[in-house]
PDB file of N, CA and C in Angstrom:
ATOM      1  N   MET A   1      42.493 -11.018  40.468  1.00  0.00           N
ATOM      2  CA  MET A   1      42.984 -12.545  40.337  1.00  0.00           C
ATOM      3  C   MET A   1      41.947 -13.050  38.752  1.00  0.00           C
ATOM      4  N   PRO A   2      42.132 -13.665  37.650  1.00  0.00           N
ATOM      5  CA  PRO A   2      41.400 -13.771  36.793  1.00  0.00           C
ATOM      6  C   PRO A   2      40.510 -15.298  37.862  1.00  0.00           C
ATOM      7  N   LEU A   3      39.268 -15.113  37.374  1.00  0.00           N
ATOM      8  CA  LEU A   3      38.181 -16.766  38.180  1.00  0.00           C
ATOM      9  C   LEU A   3      39.233 -17.815  37.733  1.00  0.00           C
ATOM     10  N   SER A   4      39.671 -17.995  36.545  1.00  0.00           N
ATOM     11  CA  SER A   4      40.899 -19.384  36.109  1.00  0.00           C
ATOM     12  C   SER A   4      41.782 -19.936  37.086  1.00  0.00           C
ATOM     13  N   MET A   5      42.137 -18.608  37.935  1.00  0.00           N
ATOM     14  CA  MET A   5      43.337 -19.515  38.774  1.00  0.00           C
ATOM     15  C   MET A   5      42.583 -19.870  40.211  1.00  0.00           C
ATOM     16  N   VAL A   6      41.091 -19.297  40.603  1.00  0.00           N
ATOM     17  CA  VAL A   6      40.637 -19.881  41.689  1.00  0.00           C
ATOM     18  C   VAL A   6      40.858 -21.192  42.186  1.00  0.00           C
ATOM     19  N   LYS A   7      40.992 -21.906  43.657  1.00  0.00           N
ATOM     20  CA  LYS A   7      40.664 -23.039  43.960  1.00  0.00           C
ATOM     21  C   LYS A   7      39.393 -23.737  44.021  1.00  0.00           C
ATOM     22  N   GLU A   8      39.117 -24.836  44.216  1.00  0.00           N
ATOM     23  CA  GLU A   8      37.842 -25.034  44.477  1.00  0.00           C
ATOM     24  C   GLU A   8      37.136 -25.162  45.839  1.00  0.00           C
ATOM     25  N   GLY A   9      36.078 -24.841  45.310  1.00  0.00           N
ATOM     26  CA  GLY A   9      35.162 -24.732  47.058  1.00  0.00           C
ATOM     27  C   GLY A   9      35.222 -23.839  48.092  1.00  0.00           C
ATOM     28  N   GLU A  10      35.978 -22.534  46.882  1.00  0.00           N
ATOM     29  CA  GLU A  10      36.390 -21.013  47.314  1.00  0.00           C
ATOM     30  C   GLU A  10      35.286 -20.175  46.819  1.00  0.00           C
ATOM     31  N   PRO A  11      33.913 -19.694  47.963  1.00  0.00           N
ATOM     32  CA  PRO A  11      33.180 -18.455  47.557  1.00  0.00           C
ATOM     33  C   PRO A  11      33.826 -17.608  47.280  1.00  0.00           C
ATOM     34  N   ILE A  12      34.152 -16.760  46.241  1.00  0.00           N
ATOM     35  CA  ILE A  12      34.773 -15.188  45.951  1.00  0.00           C
ATOM     36  C   ILE A  12      33.815 -14.637  45.436  1.00  0.00           C
ATOM     37  N   VAL A  13      34.014 -12.769  45.433  1.00  0.00           N
ATOM     38  CA  VAL A  13      33.456 -11.824  45.060  1.00  0.00           C
ATOM     39  C   VAL A  13      33.484 -11.609  43.781  1.00  0.00           C
ATOM     40  N   ILE A  14      32.940 -11.320  42.936  1.00  0.00           N
ATOM     41  CA  ILE A  14      33.450 -10.714  41.445  1.00  0.00           C
ATOM     42  C   ILE A  14      33.850  -9.500  41.666  1.00  0.00           C
ATOM     43  N   LYS A  15      34.947  -8.836  41.136  1.00  0.00           N
ATOM     44  CA  LYS A  15      35.312  -7.713  41.009  1.00  0.00           C
ATOM     45  C   LYS A  15      34.890  -6.808  39.849  1.00  0.00           C
ATOM     46  N   LYS A  16      35.168  -7.712  38.836  1.00  0.00           N
ATOM     47  CA  LYS A  16      35.426  -7.105  37.541  1.00  0.00           C
ATOM     48  C   LYS A  16      34.862  -8.347  36.707  1.00  0.00           C
ATOM     49  N   VAL A  17      33.920  -7.891  35.103  1.00  0.00           N
ATOM     50  CA  VAL A  17      33.881  -8.869  34.221  1.00  0.00           C
ATOM     51  C   VAL A  17      34.227  -7.624  33.042  1.00  0.00           C
ATOM     52  N   GLY A  18      35.701  -8.582  32.450  1.00  0.00           N
ATOM     53  CA  GLY A  18      36.143  -7.965  31.171  1.00  0.00           C
ATOM     54  C   GLY A  18      35.767  -8.414  29.906  1.00  0.00           C
ATOM     55  N   GLY A  19      36.232  -8.027  28.692  1.00  0.00           N
ATOM     56  CA  GLY A  19      35.989  -8.675  27.200  1.00  0.00           C
ATOM     57  C   GLY A  19      35.338  -7.710  26.510  1.00  0.00           C
ATOM     58  N   LYS A  20      35.136  -8.360  25.491  1.00  0.00           N
ATOM     59  CA  LYS A  20      34.155  -6.717  24.465  1.00  0.00           C
ATOM     60  C   LYS A  20      33.022  -6.670  25.174  1.00  0.00           C
ATOM     61  N   GLU A  21      32.222  -5.937  24.532  1.00  0.00           N
ATOM     62  CA  GLU A  21      30.793  -5.681  24.770  1.00  0.00           C
ATOM     63  C   GLU A  21      30.207  -6.463  25.383  1.00  0.00           C
ATOM     64  N   GLU A  22      30.154  -7.477  23.960  1.00  0.00           N
ATOM     65  CA  GLU A  22      29.320  -8.309  23.492  1.00  0.00           C
ATOM     66  C   GLU A  22      29.389  -9.836  24.920  1.00  0.00           C
ATOM     67  N   THR A  23      30.694  -9.500  24.791  1.00  0.00           N
ATOM     68  CA  THR A  23      31.015 -10.621  25.822  1.00  0.00           C
ATOM     69  C   THR A  23      30.511 -10.735  27.446  1.00  0.00           C
ATOM     70  N   LYS A  24      30.960  -9.413  28.105  1.00  0.00           N
ATOM     71  CA  LYS A  24      30.178  -8.563  28.931  1.00  0.00           C
ATOM     72  C   LYS A  24      29.071  -9.082  29.041  1.00  0.00           C
ATOM     73  N   ARG A  25      28.150  -8.456  28.157  1.00  0.00           N
ATOM     74  CA  ARG A  25      26.500  -9.119  28.304  1.00  0.00           C
ATOM     75  C   ARG A  25      26.715 -10.327  28.548  1.00  0.00           C
ATOM     76  N   PHE A  26      27.198 -11.393  27.812  1.00  0.00           N
ATOM     77  CA  PHE A  26      26.841 -12.684  27.594  1.00  0.00           C
ATOM     78  C   PHE A  26      26.880 -13.517  29.005  1.00  0.00           C
ATOM     79  N   LEU A  27      28.182 -12.992  29.776  1.00  0.00           N
ATOM     80  CA  LEU A  27      28.493 -13.362  30.936  1.00  0.00           C
ATOM     81  C   LEU A  27      27.838 -12.475  32.215  1.00  0.00           C
ATOM     82  N   GLU A  28      26.724 -11.581  32.110  1.00  0.00           N
ATOM     83  CA  GLU A  28      26.198 -10.765  32.991  1.00  0.00           C
ATOM     84  C   GLU A  28      24.783 -11.481  32.731  1.00  0.00           C
ATOM     85  N   ASN A  29      24.430 -11.746  31.791  1.00  0.00           N
ATOM     86  CA  ASN A  29      23.152 -12.523  31.484  1.00  0.00           C
ATOM     87  C   ASN A  29      23.102 -13.986  32.143  1.00  0.00           C
ATOM     88  N   LEU A  30      24.591 -14.397  32.226  1.00  0.00           N
ATOM     89  CA  LEU A  30      24.468 -16.154  33.084  1.00  0.00           C
ATOM     90  C   LEU A  30      24.442 -15.517  34.736  1.00  0.00           C
ATOM     91  N   GLY A  31      24.821 -14.504  34.997  1.00  0.00           N
ATOM     92  CA  GLY A  31      25.017 -13.899  36.233  1.00  0.00           C
ATOM     93  C   GLY A  31      26.112 -13.807  36.790  1.00  0.00           C
ATOM     94  N   PHE A  32      27.528 -13.419  35.815  1.00  0.00           N
ATOM     95  CA  PHE A  32      28.413 -13.256  36.370  1.00  0.00           C
ATOM     96  C   PHE A  32      28.023 -11.283  36.667  1.00  0.00           C
ATOM     97  N   THR A  33      27.809 -10.546  38.164  1.00  0.00           N
ATOM     98  CA  THR A  33      27.749  -9.421  37.479  1.00  0.00           C
ATOM     99  C   THR A  33      28.663  -9.242  38.771  1.00  0.00           C
ATOM    100  N   GLU A  34      29.070  -8.050  38.815  1.00  0.00           N
ATOM    101  CA  GLU A  34      30.132  -6.704  39.787  1.00  0.00           C
ATOM    102  C   GLU A  34      29.515  -7.284  41.167  1.00  0.00           C
ATOM    103  N   GLY A  35      30.114  -7.634  42.125  1.00  0.00           N
ATOM    104  CA  GLY A  35      29.726  -7.749  43.588  1.00  0.00           C
ATOM    105  C   GLY A  35      29.062  -8.952  43.940  1.00  0.00           C
ATOM    106  N   GLY A  36      28.846  -9.744  42.970  1.00  0.00           N
ATOM    107  CA  GLY A  36      28.286 -11.163  42.711  1.00  0.00           C
ATOM    108  C   GLY A  36      29.112 -12.259  43.439  1.00  0.00           C
ATOM    109  N   THR A  37      29.005 -13.210  43.903  1.00  0.00           N
ATOM    110  CA  THR A  37      29.707 -14.376  44.924  1.00  0.00           C
ATOM    111  C   THR A  37      29.175 -15.393  43.692  1.00  0.00           C
ATOM    112  N   VAL A  38      30.630 -16.325  43.498  1.00  0.00           N
ATOM    113  CA  VAL A  38      31.158 -17.293  42.409  1.00  0.00           C
ATOM    114  C   VAL A  38      31.672 -18.423  43.096  1.00  0.00           C
ATOM    115  N   THR A  39      31.494 -19.630  43.190  1.00  0.00           N
ATOM    116  CA  THR A  39      32.351 -20.384  43.968  1.00  0.00           C
ATOM    117  C   THR A  39      32.509 -21.334  42.581  1.00  0.00           C
ATOM    118  N   VAL A  40      34.054 -21.753  42.577  1.00  0.00           N
ATOM    119  CA  VAL A  40      34.075 -23.017  41.984  1.00  0.00           C
ATOM    120  C   VAL A  40      33.700 -24.167  42.156  1.00  0.00           C
ATOM    121  N   VAL A  41      33.277 -25.264  41.560  1.00  0.00           N
ATOM    122  CA  VAL A  41      33.002 -26.565  41.536  1.00  0.00           C
ATOM    123  C   VAL A  41      33.958 -27.925  41.319  1.00  0.00           C
ATOM    124  N   SER A  42      34.463 -27.808  40.253  1.00  0.00           N
ATOM    125  CA  SER A  42      35.278 -28.152  39.898  1.00  0.00           C
ATOM    126  C   SER A  42      36.329 -27.405  38.291  1.00  0.00           C
ATOM    127  N   ASP A  43      37.424 -27.891  38.512  1.00  0.00           N
ATOM    128  CA  ASP A  43      38.089 -27.418  37.078  1.00  0.00           C
ATOM    129  C   ASP A  43      39.180 -28.738  36.590  1.00  0.00           C
ATOM    130  N   ILE A  44      38.761 -29.240  35.537  1.00  0.00           N
ATOM    131  CA  ILE A  44      38.968 -30.086  34.859  1.00  0.00           C
ATOM    132  C   ILE A  44      39.822 -29.514  33.296  1.00  0.00           C
ATOM    133  N   GLY A  45      41.078 -29.773  33.334  1.00  0.00           N
ATOM    134  CA  GLY A  45      41.780 -29.221  31.911  1.00  0.00           C
ATOM    135  C   GLY A  45      41.477 -27.343  31.751  1.00  0.00           C
ATOM    136  N   GLY A  46      40.916 -27.163  32.429  1.00  0.00           N
ATOM    137  CA  GLY A  46      40.667 -25.443  31.972  1.00  0.00           C
ATOM    138  C   GLY A  46      39.649 -25.122  31.810  1.00  0.00           C
ATOM    139  N   ASN A  47      38.994 -26.285  31.684  1.00  0.00           N
ATOM    140  CA  ASN A  47      37.104 -25.924  31.626  1.00  0.00           C
ATOM    141  C   ASN A  47      36.961 -26.164  33.214  1.00  0.00           C
ATOM    142  N   MET A  48      35.954 -25.172  33.513  1.00  0.00           N
ATOM    143  CA  MET A  48      35.285 -25.147  34.800  1.00  0.00           C
ATOM    144  C   MET A  48      33.753 -25.363  35.013  1.00  0.00           C
ATOM    145  N   ILE A  49      33.393 -26.106  35.971  1.00  0.00           N
ATOM    146  CA  ILE A  49      31.830 -25.591  36.418  1.00  0.00           C
ATOM    147  C   ILE A  49      32.546 -24.869  38.136  1.00  0.00           C
ATOM    148  N   VAL A  50      31.193 -24.007  37.634  1.00  0.00           N
ATOM    149  CA  VAL A  50      31.102 -22.997  38.818  1.00  0.00           C
ATOM    150  C   VAL A  50      29.741 -22.350  39.345  1.00  0.00           C
ATOM    151  N   ASN A  51      29.342 -22.426  40.535  1.00  0.00           N
ATOM    152  CA  ASN A  51      28.045 -21.893  41.162  1.00  0.00           C
ATOM    153  C   ASN A  51      27.695 -20.372  41.429  1.00  0.00           C
ATOM    154  N   VAL A  52      26.879 -20.144  40.263  1.00  0.00           N
ATOM    155  CA  VAL A  52      26.557 -18.509  40.711  1.00  0.00           C
ATOM    156  C   VAL A  52      25.289 -18.163  40.560  1.00  0.00           C
ATOM    157  N   LYS A  53      24.539 -17.552  41.697  1.00  0.00           N
ATOM    158  CA  LYS A  53      22.854 -17.208  41.861  1.00  0.00           C
ATOM    159  C   LYS A  53      22.449 -18.926  41.778  1.00  0.00           C
ATOM    160  N   ASP A  54      22.582 -19.650  42.295  1.00  0.00           N
ATOM    161  CA  ASP A  54      22.643 -21.111  42.976  1.00  0.00           C
ATOM    162  C   ASP A  54      21.790 -21.617  41.243  1.00  0.00           C
ATOM    163  N   SER A  55      22.775 -21.647  40.182  1.00  0.00           N
ATOM    164  CA  SER A  55      23.091 -22.129  38.932  1.00  0.00           C
ATOM    165  C   SER A  55      24.289 -23.076  38.924  1.00  0.00           C
ATOM    166  N   ARG A  56      24.466 -23.879  38.485  1.00  0.00           N
ATOM    167  CA  ARG A  56      26.025 -24.599  38.119  1.00  0.00           C
ATOM    168  C   ARG A  56      26.037 -24.242  36.411  1.00  0.00           C
ATOM    169  N   ILE A  57      27.168 -23.423  36.371  1.00  0.00           N
ATOM    170  CA  ILE A  57      27.481 -22.926  34.678  1.00  0.00           C
ATOM    171  C   ILE A  57      28.958 -23.494  34.236  1.00  0.00           C
ATOM    172  N   ALA A  58      29.144 -24.288  33.285  1.00  0.00           N
ATOM    173  CA  ALA A  58      30.230 -24.667  32.924  1.00  0.00           C
ATOM    174  C   ALA A  58      30.639 -23.299  32.161  1.00  0.00           C
ATOM    175  N   ILE A  59      31.883 -23.249  32.110  1.00  0.00           N
ATOM    176  CA  ILE A  59      32.944 -22.075  31.369  1.00  0.00           C
ATOM    177  C   ILE A  59      34.346 -22.660  30.431  1.00  0.00           C
ATOM    178  N   GLY A  60      34.446 -22.102  29.724  1.00  0.00           N
ATOM    179  CA  GLY A  60      35.633 -22.181  29.455  1.00  0.00           C
ATOM    180  C   GLY A  60      37.362 -21.470  30.455  1.00  0.00           C
ATOM    181  N   LYS A  61      38.001 -21.855  29.867  1.00  0.00           N
ATOM    182  CA  LYS A  61      39.344 -21.109  30.437  1.00  0.00           C
ATOM    183  C   LYS A  61      39.086 -19.730  30.035  1.00  0.00           C
ATOM    184  N   ASP A  62      39.292 -19.536  28.749  1.00  0.00           N
ATOM    185  CA  ASP A  62      39.174 -17.812  27.956  1.00  0.00           C
ATOM    186  C   ASP A  62      38.056 -17.160  28.501  1.00  0.00           C
ATOM    187  N   MET A  63      36.701 -17.952  28.985  1.00  0.00           N
ATOM    188  CA  MET A  63      35.325 -16.756  29.103  1.00  0.00           C
ATOM    189  C   MET A  63      36.235 -16.941  30.824  1.00  0.00           C
ATOM    190  N   ALA A  64      36.775 -17.600  32.330  1.00  0.00           N
ATOM    191  CA  ALA A  64      37.399 -17.731  33.118  1.00  0.00           C
ATOM    192  C   ALA A  64      38.286 -16.909  33.061  1.00  0.00           C
ATOM    193  N   ASN A  65      39.393 -16.441  31.966  1.00  0.00           N
ATOM    194  CA  ASN A  65      40.386 -15.477  32.277  1.00  0.00           C
ATOM    195  C   ASN A  65      39.067 -13.964  32.224  1.00  0.00           C
ATOM    196  N   LYS A  66      38.438 -13.810  31.646  1.00  0.00           N
ATOM    197  CA  LYS A  66      37.408 -12.553  31.612  1.00  0.00           C
ATOM    198  C   LYS A  66      36.775 -12.241  32.769  1.00  0.00           C
ATOM    199  N   ILE A  67      36.730 -12.896  33.591  1.00  0.00           N
ATOM    200  CA  ILE A  67      35.851 -12.644  35.330  1.00  0.00           C
ATOM    201  C   ILE A  67      37.207 -12.106  35.782  1.00  0.00           C
ATOM    202  N   ILE A  68      37.118 -11.186  36.430  1.00  0.00           N
ATOM    203  CA  ILE A  68      37.912 -10.401  37.646  1.00  0.00           C
ATOM    204  C   ILE A  68      37.567 -10.918  38.973  1.00  0.00           C
ATOM    205  N   VAL A  69      38.407 -11.374  39.884  1.00  0.00           N
ATOM    206  CA  VAL A  69      37.876 -12.082  41.339  1.00  0.00           C
ATOM    207  C   VAL A  69      38.743 -11.226  42.563  1.00  0.00           C
TER     208      VAL A  69
END
């Protein structure tokens, strides 16, 4: 399922990062790599704040849909 459907506070493992090559590279540079753990901190109107590799990152729903967990 896409990251946008994950409940807040639930650590979950990333299975796949989708999208165009440019988008995949961007997300991987932020720390969204296959096998990595991500936790949703908050979800407000589809925009999410997530913890990944000891960093908090804000992403939009369109980006969150490209991260499969």
